[in-house]
Amino acid sequence: MRGWKKLGLALLGALLALAAVLAWRTATLRAPASADLAQVELAEAPPMDNARAARHLAEAVRIRTVSHQDPAENDSAQWDALHAWLIETYPAAHRAMTREIVAGHTLV
């Protein structure tokens, strides 16, 4: 039992030392000198078709992909419909990326 007590005290001491180091580093942290943002070159924003984006969002939310606590209550056909819709709607993304399905219907 005495060995456990020493181990507990050692762990407590290590935890307190870590907390002290973190507190010191936090208290002495200074923000870096301000950067000259005029020298930062931003990439040109790609053109955006807002109407098309809104239409795609409206189409996607119509697919009832609801996850339940009990997986037996999930409608797999709805998830399959979403996957098919994504492939059809964003073919370039599916050509450029690797599609991985995890735990039945989760896309990565």
N, C-alpha and C. Protein backbone atom coordinates (compact mmCIF):
# COMPACT_ATOMS: atom_id res chain seq x y z
N MET A 1 0.82 -1.19 0.00
CA MET A 1 0.00 0.00 0.00
C MET A 1 0.86 1.25 0.00
N ARG A 2 2.02 1.16 0.64
CA ARG A 2 2.92 2.30 0.73
C ARG A 2 3.44 2.71 -0.65
N GLY A 3 3.66 1.72 -1.53
CA GLY A 3 4.12 1.99 -2.89
C GLY A 3 3.08 2.78 -3.68
N TRP A 4 1.82 2.46 -3.49
CA TRP A 4 0.74 3.18 -4.18
C TRP A 4 0.67 4.63 -3.73
N LYS A 5 0.94 4.83 -2.45
CA LYS A 5 0.90 6.18 -1.90
C LYS A 5 2.02 7.03 -2.53
N LYS A 6 3.22 6.44 -2.65
CA LYS A 6 4.34 7.15 -3.26
C LYS A 6 4.05 7.45 -4.74
N LEU A 7 3.48 6.47 -5.43
CA LEU A 7 3.14 6.66 -6.83
C LEU A 7 2.10 7.77 -6.98
N GLY A 8 1.11 7.77 -6.12
CA GLY A 8 0.07 8.81 -6.15
C GLY A 8 0.65 10.19 -5.90
N LEU A 9 1.56 10.29 -4.93
CA LEU A 9 2.20 11.57 -4.63
C LEU A 9 3.08 12.01 -5.80
N ALA A 10 3.76 11.08 -6.43
CA ALA A 10 4.61 11.41 -7.57
C ALA A 10 3.76 11.93 -8.74
N LEU A 11 2.65 11.26 -8.99
CA LEU A 11 1.76 11.70 -10.06
C LEU A 11 1.15 13.06 -9.76
N LEU A 12 0.78 13.28 -8.50
CA LEU A 12 0.23 14.57 -8.09
C LEU A 12 1.28 15.66 -8.26
N GLY A 13 2.52 15.37 -7.88
CA GLY A 13 3.60 16.34 -8.04
C GLY A 13 3.84 16.67 -9.50
N ALA A 14 3.82 15.64 -10.36
CA ALA A 14 4.02 15.86 -11.79
C ALA A 14 2.89 16.70 -12.38
N LEU A 15 1.67 16.43 -11.94
CA LEU A 15 0.52 17.19 -12.40
C LEU A 15 0.61 18.64 -11.97
N LEU A 16 1.02 18.87 -10.72
CA LEU A 16 1.17 20.24 -10.23
C LEU A 16 2.29 20.97 -10.96
N ALA A 17 3.38 20.28 -11.26
CA ALA A 17 4.48 20.89 -12.01
C ALA A 17 4.02 21.27 -13.41
N LEU A 18 3.27 20.37 -14.06
CA LEU A 18 2.75 20.66 -15.39
C LEU A 18 1.81 21.86 -15.34
N ALA A 19 0.93 21.91 -14.35
CA ALA A 19 0.00 23.04 -14.21
C ALA A 19 0.77 24.34 -13.99
N ALA A 20 1.84 24.28 -13.20
CA ALA A 20 2.64 25.48 -12.96
C ALA A 20 3.31 25.96 -14.24
N VAL A 21 3.86 25.04 -15.03
CA VAL A 21 4.50 25.42 -16.29
C VAL A 21 3.47 26.03 -17.24
N LEU A 22 2.31 25.41 -17.35
CA LEU A 22 1.26 25.93 -18.22
C LEU A 22 0.80 27.31 -17.76
N ALA A 23 0.63 27.48 -16.47
CA ALA A 23 0.21 28.79 -15.94
C ALA A 23 1.27 29.84 -16.23
N TRP A 24 2.55 29.53 -16.03
CA TRP A 24 3.63 30.48 -16.30
C TRP A 24 3.68 30.84 -17.78
N ARG A 25 3.58 29.84 -18.65
CA ARG A 25 3.64 30.09 -20.09
C ARG A 25 2.46 30.94 -20.55
N THR A 26 1.29 30.68 -19.98
CA THR A 26 0.11 31.46 -20.33
C THR A 26 0.24 32.90 -19.85
N ALA A 27 0.73 33.08 -18.63
CA ALA A 27 0.86 34.42 -18.06
C ALA A 27 1.92 35.26 -18.78
N THR A 28 2.94 34.62 -19.29
CA THR A 28 4.02 35.38 -19.93
C THR A 28 3.91 35.43 -21.45
N LEU A 29 2.85 34.87 -22.01
CA LEU A 29 2.67 34.86 -23.46
C LEU A 29 2.38 36.27 -23.96
N ARG A 30 3.09 36.69 -24.97
CA ARG A 30 2.88 38.00 -25.58
C ARG A 30 2.52 37.79 -27.05
N ALA A 31 1.61 38.60 -27.52
CA ALA A 31 1.20 38.50 -28.92
C ALA A 31 2.38 38.89 -29.81
N PRO A 32 2.50 38.25 -30.95
CA PRO A 32 3.59 38.62 -31.86
C PRO A 32 3.37 40.03 -32.40
N ALA A 33 4.44 40.63 -32.85
CA ALA A 33 4.34 41.96 -33.45
C ALA A 33 3.37 41.90 -34.62
N SER A 34 2.65 42.96 -34.82
CA SER A 34 1.62 42.94 -35.86
C SER A 34 2.26 42.71 -37.23
N ALA A 35 1.57 41.95 -38.03
CA ALA A 35 2.06 41.63 -39.38
C ALA A 35 1.56 42.69 -40.35
N ASP A 36 2.31 42.92 -41.39
CA ASP A 36 1.91 43.85 -42.43
C ASP A 36 1.02 43.08 -43.41
N LEU A 37 -0.29 43.25 -43.26
CA LEU A 37 -1.23 42.50 -44.08
C LEU A 37 -1.22 42.94 -45.54
N ALA A 38 -0.63 44.09 -45.83
CA ALA A 38 -0.54 44.56 -47.22
C ALA A 38 0.37 43.64 -48.03
N GLN A 39 1.27 42.93 -47.38
CA GLN A 39 2.19 42.04 -48.08
C GLN A 39 1.59 40.66 -48.33
N VAL A 40 0.45 40.39 -47.75
CA VAL A 40 -0.18 39.08 -47.92
C VAL A 40 -0.94 39.07 -49.24
N GLU A 41 -0.63 38.10 -50.07
CA GLU A 41 -1.30 37.97 -51.36
C GLU A 41 -2.40 36.91 -51.25
N LEU A 42 -3.63 37.34 -51.45
CA LEU A 42 -4.75 36.43 -51.38
C LEU A 42 -5.07 35.89 -52.77
N ALA A 43 -5.47 34.64 -52.80
CA ALA A 43 -5.87 34.04 -54.07
C ALA A 43 -7.22 34.62 -54.49
N GLU A 44 -7.43 34.66 -55.76
CA GLU A 44 -8.68 35.15 -56.31
C GLU A 44 -9.79 34.16 -55.93
N ALA A 45 -10.91 34.69 -55.45
CA ALA A 45 -12.04 33.83 -55.08
C ALA A 45 -12.66 33.25 -56.34
N PRO A 46 -12.96 31.95 -56.33
CA PRO A 46 -13.58 31.37 -57.52
C PRO A 46 -14.99 31.93 -57.70
N PRO A 47 -15.46 31.99 -58.92
CA PRO A 47 -16.82 32.50 -59.14
C PRO A 47 -17.85 31.58 -58.47
N MET A 48 -18.90 32.19 -57.94
CA MET A 48 -19.91 31.43 -57.18
C MET A 48 -21.27 31.66 -57.81
N ASP A 49 -21.96 30.59 -58.10
CA ASP A 49 -23.32 30.67 -58.62
C ASP A 49 -24.26 30.45 -57.42
N ASN A 50 -24.71 31.54 -56.83
CA ASN A 50 -25.52 31.46 -55.61
C ASN A 50 -26.84 30.72 -55.83
N ALA A 51 -27.46 30.93 -56.97
CA ALA A 51 -28.73 30.26 -57.24
C ALA A 51 -28.53 28.75 -57.32
N ARG A 52 -27.44 28.34 -57.98
CA ARG A 52 -27.15 26.91 -58.10
C ARG A 52 -26.83 26.31 -56.73
N ALA A 53 -26.05 27.02 -55.92
CA ALA A 53 -25.72 26.54 -54.57
C ALA A 53 -26.99 26.39 -53.74
N ALA A 54 -27.89 27.35 -53.83
CA ALA A 54 -29.14 27.29 -53.08
C ALA A 54 -30.00 26.12 -53.55
N ARG A 55 -30.02 25.90 -54.88
CA ARG A 55 -30.80 24.78 -55.42
C ARG A 55 -30.23 23.45 -54.94
N HIS A 56 -28.90 23.33 -54.92
CA HIS A 56 -28.28 22.08 -54.45
C HIS A 56 -28.57 21.85 -52.97
N LEU A 57 -28.50 22.91 -52.18
CA LEU A 57 -28.82 22.77 -50.75
C LEU A 57 -30.27 22.34 -50.58
N ALA A 58 -31.17 22.96 -51.32
CA ALA A 58 -32.60 22.60 -51.22
C ALA A 58 -32.82 21.14 -51.61
N GLU A 59 -32.13 20.68 -52.64
CA GLU A 59 -32.27 19.28 -53.05
C GLU A 59 -31.73 18.33 -51.98
N ALA A 60 -30.59 18.68 -51.41
CA ALA A 60 -29.95 17.80 -50.42
C ALA A 60 -30.79 17.67 -49.15
N VAL A 61 -31.37 18.77 -48.68
CA VAL A 61 -32.11 18.68 -47.42
C VAL A 61 -33.46 18.00 -47.57
N ARG A 62 -33.90 17.79 -48.80
CA ARG A 62 -35.15 17.05 -49.02
C ARG A 62 -34.97 15.55 -48.80
N ILE A 63 -33.75 15.10 -48.84
CA ILE A 63 -33.47 13.68 -48.61
C ILE A 63 -33.43 13.47 -47.10
N ARG A 64 -34.30 12.63 -46.61
CA ARG A 64 -34.48 12.47 -45.15
C ARG A 64 -33.43 11.53 -44.55
N THR A 65 -32.25 12.07 -44.32
CA THR A 65 -31.16 11.29 -43.73
C THR A 65 -31.13 11.55 -42.24
N VAL A 66 -31.98 10.84 -41.52
CA VAL A 66 -32.10 11.00 -40.08
C VAL A 66 -31.44 9.81 -39.40
N SER A 67 -30.56 10.10 -38.44
CA SER A 67 -29.92 9.03 -37.67
C SER A 67 -30.67 8.88 -36.35
N HIS A 68 -30.98 7.65 -36.02
CA HIS A 68 -31.69 7.37 -34.77
C HIS A 68 -30.76 6.66 -33.79
N GLN A 69 -31.11 6.69 -32.53
CA GLN A 69 -30.33 5.98 -31.53
C GLN A 69 -30.32 4.49 -31.85
N ASP A 70 -31.45 3.98 -32.29
CA ASP A 70 -31.55 2.57 -32.68
C ASP A 70 -31.27 2.49 -34.18
N PRO A 71 -30.15 1.93 -34.59
CA PRO A 71 -29.81 1.87 -36.02
C PRO A 71 -30.87 1.16 -36.86
N ALA A 72 -31.68 0.31 -36.26
CA ALA A 72 -32.72 -0.38 -37.02
C ALA A 72 -33.78 0.59 -37.53
N GLU A 73 -33.90 1.76 -36.88
CA GLU A 73 -34.88 2.76 -37.30
C GLU A 73 -34.39 3.63 -38.45
N ASN A 74 -33.11 3.57 -38.78
CA ASN A 74 -32.57 4.38 -39.86
C ASN A 74 -33.07 3.87 -41.21
N ASP A 75 -33.37 4.79 -42.11
CA ASP A 75 -33.83 4.43 -43.45
C ASP A 75 -32.63 4.42 -44.39
N SER A 76 -32.09 3.24 -44.63
CA SER A 76 -30.90 3.09 -45.46
C SER A 76 -31.13 3.59 -46.88
N ALA A 77 -32.34 3.47 -47.38
CA ALA A 77 -32.63 3.91 -48.74
C ALA A 77 -32.41 5.41 -48.88
N GLN A 78 -32.71 6.17 -47.84
CA GLN A 78 -32.50 7.62 -47.88
C GLN A 78 -31.01 7.96 -47.94
N TRP A 79 -30.22 7.22 -47.18
CA TRP A 79 -28.76 7.44 -47.21
C TRP A 79 -28.20 7.07 -48.57
N ASP A 80 -28.68 5.96 -49.14
CA ASP A 80 -28.24 5.56 -50.47
C ASP A 80 -28.64 6.62 -51.51
N ALA A 81 -29.83 7.21 -51.33
CA ALA A 81 -30.29 8.27 -52.24
C ALA A 81 -29.38 9.49 -52.14
N LEU A 82 -28.95 9.84 -50.92
CA LEU A 82 -28.04 10.97 -50.75
C LEU A 82 -26.71 10.68 -51.43
N HIS A 83 -26.18 9.49 -51.24
CA HIS A 83 -24.91 9.13 -51.87
C HIS A 83 -25.01 9.23 -53.39
N ALA A 84 -26.11 8.72 -53.95
CA ALA A 84 -26.30 8.77 -55.40
C ALA A 84 -26.44 10.22 -55.85
N TRP A 85 -27.16 11.04 -55.08
CA TRP A 85 -27.33 12.46 -55.42
C TRP A 85 -25.99 13.18 -55.42
N LEU A 86 -25.15 12.88 -54.44
CA LEU A 86 -23.83 13.51 -54.37
C LEU A 86 -22.97 13.15 -55.58
N ILE A 87 -23.01 11.88 -55.97
CA ILE A 87 -22.24 11.43 -57.13
C ILE A 87 -22.73 12.12 -58.40
N GLU A 88 -24.04 12.20 -58.55
CA GLU A 88 -24.62 12.81 -59.74
C GLU A 88 -24.40 14.33 -59.77
N THR A 89 -24.50 14.96 -58.62
CA THR A 89 -24.42 16.43 -58.55
C THR A 89 -23.00 16.94 -58.59
N TYR A 90 -22.06 16.21 -58.01
CA TYR A 90 -20.67 16.65 -57.94
C TYR A 90 -19.73 15.60 -58.56
N PRO A 91 -19.85 15.36 -59.87
CA PRO A 91 -19.02 14.33 -60.49
C PRO A 91 -17.53 14.67 -60.47
N ALA A 92 -17.18 15.93 -60.61
CA ALA A 92 -15.76 16.30 -60.62
C ALA A 92 -15.12 16.01 -59.27
N ALA A 93 -15.85 16.27 -58.20
CA ALA A 93 -15.32 15.98 -56.86
C ALA A 93 -15.11 14.48 -56.69
N HIS A 94 -16.05 13.69 -57.19
CA HIS A 94 -15.93 12.24 -57.05
C HIS A 94 -14.82 11.66 -57.94
N ARG A 95 -14.51 12.34 -59.04
CA ARG A 95 -13.38 11.90 -59.87
C ARG A 95 -12.06 12.24 -59.19
N ALA A 96 -12.01 13.36 -58.48
CA ALA A 96 -10.75 13.83 -57.89
C ALA A 96 -10.45 13.21 -56.53
N MET A 97 -11.47 12.77 -55.83
CA MET A 97 -11.28 12.26 -54.46
C MET A 97 -11.52 10.77 -54.38
N THR A 98 -10.99 10.18 -53.32
CA THR A 98 -11.27 8.78 -53.02
C THR A 98 -12.46 8.74 -52.08
N ARG A 99 -13.44 7.95 -52.40
CA ARG A 99 -14.66 7.86 -51.60
C ARG A 99 -14.57 6.64 -50.70
N GLU A 100 -14.77 6.87 -49.40
CA GLU A 100 -14.72 5.77 -48.44
C GLU A 100 -15.99 5.79 -47.61
N ILE A 101 -16.62 4.64 -47.43
CA ILE A 101 -17.83 4.53 -46.63
C ILE A 101 -17.48 3.81 -45.34
N VAL A 102 -17.82 4.43 -44.23
CA VAL A 102 -17.50 3.89 -42.90
C VAL A 102 -18.81 3.59 -42.17
N ALA A 103 -18.86 2.49 -41.49
CA ALA A 103 -20.01 2.12 -40.65
C ALA A 103 -21.32 2.15 -41.43
N GLY A 104 -21.30 1.67 -42.65
CA GLY A 104 -22.53 1.54 -43.41
C GLY A 104 -22.84 2.69 -44.33
N HIS A 105 -22.92 3.93 -43.80
CA HIS A 105 -23.33 5.05 -44.65
C HIS A 105 -22.57 6.34 -44.41
N THR A 106 -21.58 6.35 -43.56
CA THR A 106 -20.82 7.57 -43.30
C THR A 106 -19.76 7.73 -44.38
N LEU A 107 -19.77 8.91 -45.04
CA LEU A 107 -18.82 9.17 -46.10
C LEU A 107 -17.60 9.89 -45.55
N VAL A 108 -16.44 9.45 -46.01
CA VAL A 108 -15.19 10.12 -45.66
C VAL A 108 -14.49 10.47 -46.95
